[in-house]
Amino acid sequence: MMRLGLGLVALFVVARTLGLDRGVGVLSGTVPGTMAEALAGLAFAALWFAAVLLAVPLMVAGLVGRPRQR
């Protein structure tokens, strides 16, 4: 669980670094420059929602479900 959550956050960071957030305006009805930019914006929005809504509970579940070692 922990690895999946960290993987989602890592994908989001990579998408942000690559500049995919420039096309996210397609969600508000703003016309993007190209179809590729619109698709990149939709992919970035999906990754953002995954990082915010899925990654945190997955990482918490990974921490709670981990057996305690002493």
PDB file of N, CA and C in Angstrom:
ATOM      1  N   MET A   1       0.811  -1.192   0.000  1.00  0.00           N
ATOM      2  CA  MET A   1       0.000   0.000   0.000  1.00  0.00           C
ATOM      3  C   MET A   1       0.859   1.263   0.000  1.00  0.00           C
ATOM      4  N   MET A   2       1.875   1.218   0.821  1.00  0.00           N
ATOM      5  CA  MET A   2       2.748   2.390   0.948  1.00  0.00           C
ATOM      6  C   MET A   2       3.436   2.685  -0.392  1.00  0.00           C
ATOM      7  N   ARG A   3       3.901   1.648  -1.053  1.00  0.00           N
ATOM      8  CA  ARG A   3       4.594   1.859  -2.338  1.00  0.00           C
ATOM      9  C   ARG A   3       3.660   2.427  -3.393  1.00  0.00           C
ATOM     10  N   LEU A   4       2.422   1.969  -3.411  1.00  0.00           N
ATOM     11  CA  LEU A   4       1.460   2.479  -4.387  1.00  0.00           C
ATOM     12  C   LEU A   4       1.186   3.964  -4.152  1.00  0.00           C
ATOM     13  N   GLY A   5       0.998   4.340  -2.891  1.00  0.00           N
ATOM     14  CA  GLY A   5       0.782   5.752  -2.570  1.00  0.00           C
ATOM     15  C   GLY A   5       1.970   6.613  -2.945  1.00  0.00           C
ATOM     16  N   LEU A   6       3.164   6.145  -2.627  1.00  0.00           N
ATOM     17  CA  LEU A   6       4.366   6.896  -2.995  1.00  0.00           C
ATOM     18  C   LEU A   6       4.548   6.951  -4.512  1.00  0.00           C
ATOM     19  N   GLY A   7       4.164   5.889  -5.196  1.00  0.00           N
ATOM     20  CA  GLY A   7       4.244   5.875  -6.660  1.00  0.00           C
ATOM     21  C   GLY A   7       3.319   6.908  -7.287  1.00  0.00           C
ATOM     22  N   LEU A   8       2.110   7.041  -6.741  1.00  0.00           N
ATOM     23  CA  LEU A   8       1.174   8.051  -7.254  1.00  0.00           C
ATOM     24  C   LEU A   8       1.716   9.460  -7.051  1.00  0.00           C
ATOM     25  N   VAL A   9       2.297   9.697  -5.882  1.00  0.00           N
ATOM     26  CA  VAL A   9       2.884  11.022  -5.619  1.00  0.00           C
ATOM     27  C   VAL A   9       4.065  11.268  -6.547  1.00  0.00           C
ATOM     28  N   ALA A  10       4.880  10.236  -6.783  1.00  0.00           N
ATOM     29  CA  ALA A  10       6.028  10.385  -7.684  1.00  0.00           C
ATOM     30  C   ALA A  10       5.563  10.688  -9.107  1.00  0.00           C
ATOM     31  N   LEU A  11       4.508  10.032  -9.573  1.00  0.00           N
ATOM     32  CA  LEU A  11       3.975  10.320 -10.908  1.00  0.00           C
ATOM     33  C   LEU A  11       3.468  11.757 -11.001  1.00  0.00           C
ATOM     34  N   PHE A  12       2.825  12.224  -9.943  1.00  0.00           N
ATOM     35  CA  PHE A  12       2.349  13.605  -9.928  1.00  0.00           C
ATOM     36  C   PHE A  12       3.513  14.591 -10.007  1.00  0.00           C
ATOM     37  N   VAL A  13       4.572  14.326  -9.257  1.00  0.00           N
ATOM     38  CA  VAL A  13       5.743  15.213  -9.274  1.00  0.00           C
ATOM     39  C   VAL A  13       6.387  15.232 -10.657  1.00  0.00           C
ATOM     40  N   VAL A  14       6.465  14.080 -11.296  1.00  0.00           N
ATOM     41  CA  VAL A  14       7.032  14.008 -12.649  1.00  0.00           C
ATOM     42  C   VAL A  14       6.160  14.794 -13.630  1.00  0.00           C
ATOM     43  N   ALA A  15       4.844  14.631 -13.526  1.00  0.00           N
ATOM     44  CA  ALA A  15       3.938  15.358 -14.419  1.00  0.00           C
ATOM     45  C   ALA A  15       4.064  16.864 -14.217  1.00  0.00           C
ATOM     46  N   ARG A  16       4.196  17.282 -12.974  1.00  0.00           N
ATOM     47  CA  ARG A  16       4.345  18.713 -12.685  1.00  0.00           C
ATOM     48  C   ARG A  16       5.672  19.233 -13.236  1.00  0.00           C
ATOM     49  N   THR A  17       6.719  18.424 -13.076  1.00  0.00           N
ATOM     50  CA  THR A  17       8.040  18.819 -13.565  1.00  0.00           C
ATOM     51  C   THR A  17       8.053  18.936 -15.088  1.00  0.00           C
ATOM     52  N   LEU A  18       7.325  18.055 -15.763  1.00  0.00           N
ATOM     53  CA  LEU A  18       7.271  18.087 -17.224  1.00  0.00           C
ATOM     54  C   LEU A  18       6.374  19.198 -17.765  1.00  0.00           C
ATOM     55  N   GLY A  19       5.633  19.864 -16.885  1.00  0.00           N
ATOM     56  CA  GLY A  19       4.802  20.985 -17.322  1.00  0.00           C
ATOM     57  C   GLY A  19       3.445  20.591 -17.854  1.00  0.00           C
ATOM     58  N   LEU A  20       2.946  19.436 -17.450  1.00  0.00           N
ATOM     59  CA  LEU A  20       1.632  19.010 -17.928  1.00  0.00           C
ATOM     60  C   LEU A  20       0.502  19.860 -17.356  1.00  0.00           C
ATOM     61  N   ASP A  21       0.797  20.637 -16.332  1.00  0.00           N
ATOM     62  CA  ASP A  21      -0.236  21.457 -15.705  1.00  0.00           C
ATOM     63  C   ASP A  21      -0.656  22.653 -16.565  1.00  0.00           C
ATOM     64  N   ARG A  22       0.069  22.927 -17.623  1.00  0.00           N
ATOM     65  CA  ARG A  22      -0.290  24.065 -18.490  1.00  0.00           C
ATOM     66  C   ARG A  22      -1.624  23.841 -19.186  1.00  0.00           C
ATOM     67  N   GLY A  23      -1.972  22.599 -19.464  1.00  0.00           N
ATOM     68  CA  GLY A  23      -3.210  22.319 -20.184  1.00  0.00           C
ATOM     69  C   GLY A  23      -4.402  22.058 -19.302  1.00  0.00           C
ATOM     70  N   VAL A  24      -4.264  22.235 -17.992  1.00  0.00           N
ATOM     71  CA  VAL A  24      -5.357  21.925 -17.075  1.00  0.00           C
ATOM     72  C   VAL A  24      -6.515  22.919 -17.207  1.00  0.00           C
ATOM     73  N   GLY A  25      -6.300  24.000 -17.890  1.00  0.00           N
ATOM     74  CA  GLY A  25      -7.358  24.982 -18.116  1.00  0.00           C
ATOM     75  C   GLY A  25      -8.517  24.441 -18.926  1.00  0.00           C
ATOM     76  N   VAL A  26      -8.333  23.304 -19.558  1.00  0.00           N
ATOM     77  CA  VAL A  26      -9.408  22.687 -20.334  1.00  0.00           C
ATOM     78  C   VAL A  26     -10.591  22.348 -19.423  1.00  0.00           C
ATOM     79  N   LEU A  27     -10.348  22.145 -18.148  1.00  0.00           N
ATOM     80  CA  LEU A  27     -11.425  21.823 -17.210  1.00  0.00           C
ATOM     81  C   LEU A  27     -12.344  23.003 -16.954  1.00  0.00           C
ATOM     82  N   SER A  28     -11.837  24.210 -17.105  1.00  0.00           N
ATOM     83  CA  SER A  28     -12.662  25.400 -16.872  1.00  0.00           C
ATOM     84  C   SER A  28     -13.293  25.929 -18.163  1.00  0.00           C
ATOM     85  N   GLY A  29     -13.068  25.234 -19.250  1.00  0.00           N
ATOM     86  CA  GLY A  29     -13.649  25.650 -20.521  1.00  0.00           C
ATOM     87  C   GLY A  29     -12.721  26.504 -21.363  1.00  0.00           C
ATOM     88  N   THR A  30     -11.525  26.760 -20.872  1.00  0.00           N
ATOM     89  CA  THR A  30     -10.540  27.502 -21.637  1.00  0.00           C
ATOM     90  C   THR A  30     -10.034  26.613 -22.763  1.00  0.00           C
ATOM     91  N   VAL A  31      -9.972  27.133 -23.933  1.00  0.00           N
ATOM     92  CA  VAL A  31      -9.534  26.350 -25.079  1.00  0.00           C
ATOM     93  C   VAL A  31      -8.011  26.236 -25.064  1.00  0.00           C
ATOM     94  N   PRO A  32      -7.483  25.008 -24.975  1.00  0.00           N
ATOM     95  CA  PRO A  32      -6.028  24.836 -24.996  1.00  0.00           C
ATOM     96  C   PRO A  32      -5.480  25.025 -26.402  1.00  0.00           C
ATOM     97  N   GLY A  33      -4.164  25.155 -26.500  1.00  0.00           N
ATOM     98  CA  GLY A  33      -3.520  25.364 -27.786  1.00  0.00           C
ATOM     99  C   GLY A  33      -3.685  24.188 -28.731  1.00  0.00           C
ATOM    100  N   THR A  34      -3.459  22.990 -28.235  1.00  0.00           N
ATOM    101  CA  THR A  34      -3.539  21.798 -29.077  1.00  0.00           C
ATOM    102  C   THR A  34      -4.302  20.711 -28.339  1.00  0.00           C
ATOM    103  N   MET A  35      -4.671  19.678 -29.087  1.00  0.00           N
ATOM    104  CA  MET A  35      -5.352  18.537 -28.487  1.00  0.00           C
ATOM    105  C   MET A  35      -4.423  17.808 -27.518  1.00  0.00           C
ATOM    106  N   ALA A  36      -3.133  17.756 -27.849  1.00  0.00           N
ATOM    107  CA  ALA A  36      -2.166  17.105 -26.959  1.00  0.00           C
ATOM    108  C   ALA A  36      -2.076  17.845 -25.631  1.00  0.00           C
ATOM    109  N   GLU A  37      -2.140  19.165 -25.678  1.00  0.00           N
ATOM    110  CA  GLU A  37      -2.099  19.953 -24.446  1.00  0.00           C
ATOM    111  C   GLU A  37      -3.347  19.711 -23.609  1.00  0.00           C
ATOM    112  N   ALA A  38      -4.497  19.561 -24.265  1.00  0.00           N
ATOM    113  CA  ALA A  38      -5.735  19.268 -23.536  1.00  0.00           C
ATOM    114  C   ALA A  38      -5.666  17.900 -22.868  1.00  0.00           C
ATOM    115  N   LEU A  39      -5.155  16.914 -23.573  1.00  0.00           N
ATOM    116  CA  LEU A  39      -5.017  15.573 -22.999  1.00  0.00           C
ATOM    117  C   LEU A  39      -4.010  15.563 -21.857  1.00  0.00           C
ATOM    118  N   ALA A  40      -2.934  16.334 -22.008  1.00  0.00           N
ATOM    119  CA  ALA A  40      -1.950  16.440 -20.935  1.00  0.00           C
ATOM    120  C   ALA A  40      -2.575  17.088 -19.709  1.00  0.00           C
ATOM    121  N   GLY A  41      -3.413  18.078 -19.907  1.00  0.00           N
ATOM    122  CA  GLY A  41      -4.095  18.729 -18.796  1.00  0.00           C
ATOM    123  C   GLY A  41      -5.052  17.784 -18.082  1.00  0.00           C
ATOM    124  N   LEU A  42      -5.772  16.973 -18.849  1.00  0.00           N
ATOM    125  CA  LEU A  42      -6.666  15.996 -18.237  1.00  0.00           C
ATOM    126  C   LEU A  42      -5.884  14.927 -17.471  1.00  0.00           C
ATOM    127  N   ALA A  43      -4.760  14.500 -18.031  1.00  0.00           N
ATOM    128  CA  ALA A  43      -3.918  13.524 -17.346  1.00  0.00           C
ATOM    129  C   ALA A  43      -3.360  14.121 -16.055  1.00  0.00           C
ATOM    130  N   PHE A  44      -2.962  15.387 -16.102  1.00  0.00           N
ATOM    131  CA  PHE A  44      -2.442  16.043 -14.904  1.00  0.00           C
ATOM    132  C   PHE A  44      -3.529  16.147 -13.839  1.00  0.00           C
ATOM    133  N   ALA A  45      -4.739  16.489 -14.246  1.00  0.00           N
ATOM    134  CA  ALA A  45      -5.839  16.593 -13.281  1.00  0.00           C
ATOM    135  C   ALA A  45      -6.125  15.231 -12.643  1.00  0.00           C
ATOM    136  N   ALA A  46      -6.092  14.180 -13.432  1.00  0.00           N
ATOM    137  CA  ALA A  46      -6.308  12.836 -12.894  1.00  0.00           C
ATOM    138  C   ALA A  46      -5.209  12.458 -11.912  1.00  0.00           C
ATOM    139  N   LEU A  47      -3.975  12.798 -12.230  1.00  0.00           N
ATOM    140  CA  LEU A  47      -2.869  12.518 -11.314  1.00  0.00           C
ATOM    141  C   LEU A  47      -2.975  13.357 -10.042  1.00  0.00           C
ATOM    142  N   TRP A  48      -3.440  14.581 -10.161  1.00  0.00           N
ATOM    143  CA  TRP A  48      -3.605  15.423  -8.981  1.00  0.00           C
ATOM    144  C   TRP A  48      -4.651  14.831  -8.044  1.00  0.00           C
ATOM    145  N   PHE A  49      -5.796  14.432  -8.626  1.00  0.00           N
ATOM    146  CA  PHE A  49      -6.827  13.816  -7.801  1.00  0.00           C
ATOM    147  C   PHE A  49      -6.334  12.515  -7.176  1.00  0.00           C
ATOM    148  N   ALA A  50      -5.569  11.731  -7.924  1.00  0.00           N
ATOM    149  CA  ALA A  50      -5.029  10.478  -7.378  1.00  0.00           C
ATOM    150  C   ALA A  50      -4.056  10.765  -6.236  1.00  0.00           C
ATOM    151  N   ALA A  51      -3.217  11.774  -6.406  1.00  0.00           N
ATOM    152  CA  ALA A  51      -2.237  12.095  -5.363  1.00  0.00           C
ATOM    153  C   ALA A  51      -2.907  12.647  -4.114  1.00  0.00           C
ATOM    154  N   VAL A  52      -3.978  13.400  -4.292  1.00  0.00           N
ATOM    155  CA  VAL A  52      -4.640  14.007  -3.132  1.00  0.00           C
ATOM    156  C   VAL A  52      -5.629  13.048  -2.474  1.00  0.00           C
ATOM    157  N   LEU A  53      -6.431  12.358  -3.287  1.00  0.00           N
ATOM    158  CA  LEU A  53      -7.510  11.550  -2.729  1.00  0.00           C
ATOM    159  C   LEU A  53      -7.151  10.087  -2.490  1.00  0.00           C
ATOM    160  N   LEU A  54      -6.197   9.552  -3.214  1.00  0.00           N
ATOM    161  CA  LEU A  54      -5.867   8.136  -3.069  1.00  0.00           C
ATOM    162  C   LEU A  54      -4.545   7.884  -2.352  1.00  0.00           C
ATOM    163  N   ALA A  55      -3.543   8.686  -2.643  1.00  0.00           N
ATOM    164  CA  ALA A  55      -2.201   8.409  -2.122  1.00  0.00           C
ATOM    165  C   ALA A  55      -2.135   8.517  -0.603  1.00  0.00           C
ATOM    166  N   VAL A  56      -2.760   9.536  -0.039  1.00  0.00           N
ATOM    167  CA  VAL A  56      -2.677   9.727   1.412  1.00  0.00           C
ATOM    168  C   VAL A  56      -3.334   8.565   2.166  1.00  0.00           C
ATOM    169  N   PRO A  57      -4.576   8.165   1.830  1.00  0.00           N
ATOM    170  CA  PRO A  57      -5.146   7.014   2.536  1.00  0.00           C
ATOM    171  C   PRO A  57      -4.367   5.719   2.311  1.00  0.00           C
ATOM    172  N   LEU A  58      -3.802   5.546   1.119  1.00  0.00           N
ATOM    173  CA  LEU A  58      -2.999   4.351   0.872  1.00  0.00           C
ATOM    174  C   LEU A  58      -1.754   4.320   1.747  1.00  0.00           C
ATOM    175  N   MET A  59      -1.105   5.470   1.901  1.00  0.00           N
ATOM    176  CA  MET A  59       0.097   5.509   2.731  1.00  0.00           C
ATOM    177  C   MET A  59      -0.252   5.312   4.213  1.00  0.00           C
ATOM    178  N   VAL A  60      -1.365   5.881   4.655  1.00  0.00           N
ATOM    179  CA  VAL A  60      -1.785   5.676   6.044  1.00  0.00           C
ATOM    180  C   VAL A  60      -2.124   4.202   6.271  1.00  0.00           C
ATOM    181  N   ALA A  61      -2.821   3.595   5.325  1.00  0.00           N
ATOM    182  CA  ALA A  61      -3.148   2.176   5.453  1.00  0.00           C
ATOM    183  C   ALA A  61      -1.885   1.328   5.465  1.00  0.00           C
ATOM    184  N   GLY A  62      -0.901   1.726   4.700  1.00  0.00           N
ATOM    185  CA  GLY A  62       0.362   0.996   4.702  1.00  0.00           C
ATOM    186  C   GLY A  62       1.081   1.098   6.028  1.00  0.00           C
ATOM    187  N   LEU A  63       0.981   2.253   6.671  1.00  0.00           N
ATOM    188  CA  LEU A  63       1.620   2.422   7.980  1.00  0.00           C
ATOM    189  C   LEU A  63       0.872   1.679   9.079  1.00  0.00           C
ATOM    190  N   VAL A  64      -0.452   1.730   9.028  1.00  0.00           N
ATOM    191  CA  VAL A  64      -1.260   1.074  10.054  1.00  0.00           C
ATOM    192  C   VAL A  64      -1.188  -0.440   9.907  1.00  0.00           C
ATOM    193  N   GLY A  65      -1.188  -0.916   8.687  1.00  0.00           N
ATOM    194  CA  GLY A  65      -1.186  -2.345   8.445  1.00  0.00           C
ATOM    195  C   GLY A  65       0.176  -3.006   8.604  1.00  0.00           C
ATOM    196  N   ARG A  66       1.204  -2.220   8.741  1.00  0.00           N
ATOM    197  CA  ARG A  66       2.563  -2.764   8.877  1.00  0.00           C
ATOM    198  C   ARG A  66       2.721  -3.417  10.247  1.00  0.00           C
ATOM    199  N   PRO A  67       3.226  -4.638  10.290  1.00  0.00           N
ATOM    200  CA  PRO A  67       3.419  -5.288  11.601  1.00  0.00           C
ATOM    201  C   PRO A  67       4.474  -4.545  12.415  1.00  0.00           C
ATOM    202  N   ARG A  68       4.224  -4.467  13.695  1.00  0.00           N
ATOM    203  CA  ARG A  68       5.136  -3.738  14.576  1.00  0.00           C
ATOM    204  C   ARG A  68       6.361  -4.615  14.863  1.00  0.00           C
ATOM    205  N   GLN A  69       7.520  -4.020  14.707  1.00  0.00           N
ATOM    206  CA  GLN A  69       8.768  -4.733  14.983  1.00  0.00           C
ATOM    207  C   GLN A  69       9.455  -4.084  16.171  1.00  0.00           C
ATOM    208  N   ARG A  70       9.926  -4.906  17.092  1.00  0.00           N
ATOM    209  CA  ARG A  70      10.635  -4.367  18.266  1.00  0.00           C
ATOM    210  C   ARG A  70      11.946  -5.047  18.417  1.00  0.00           C
TER     211      ARG A  70
END
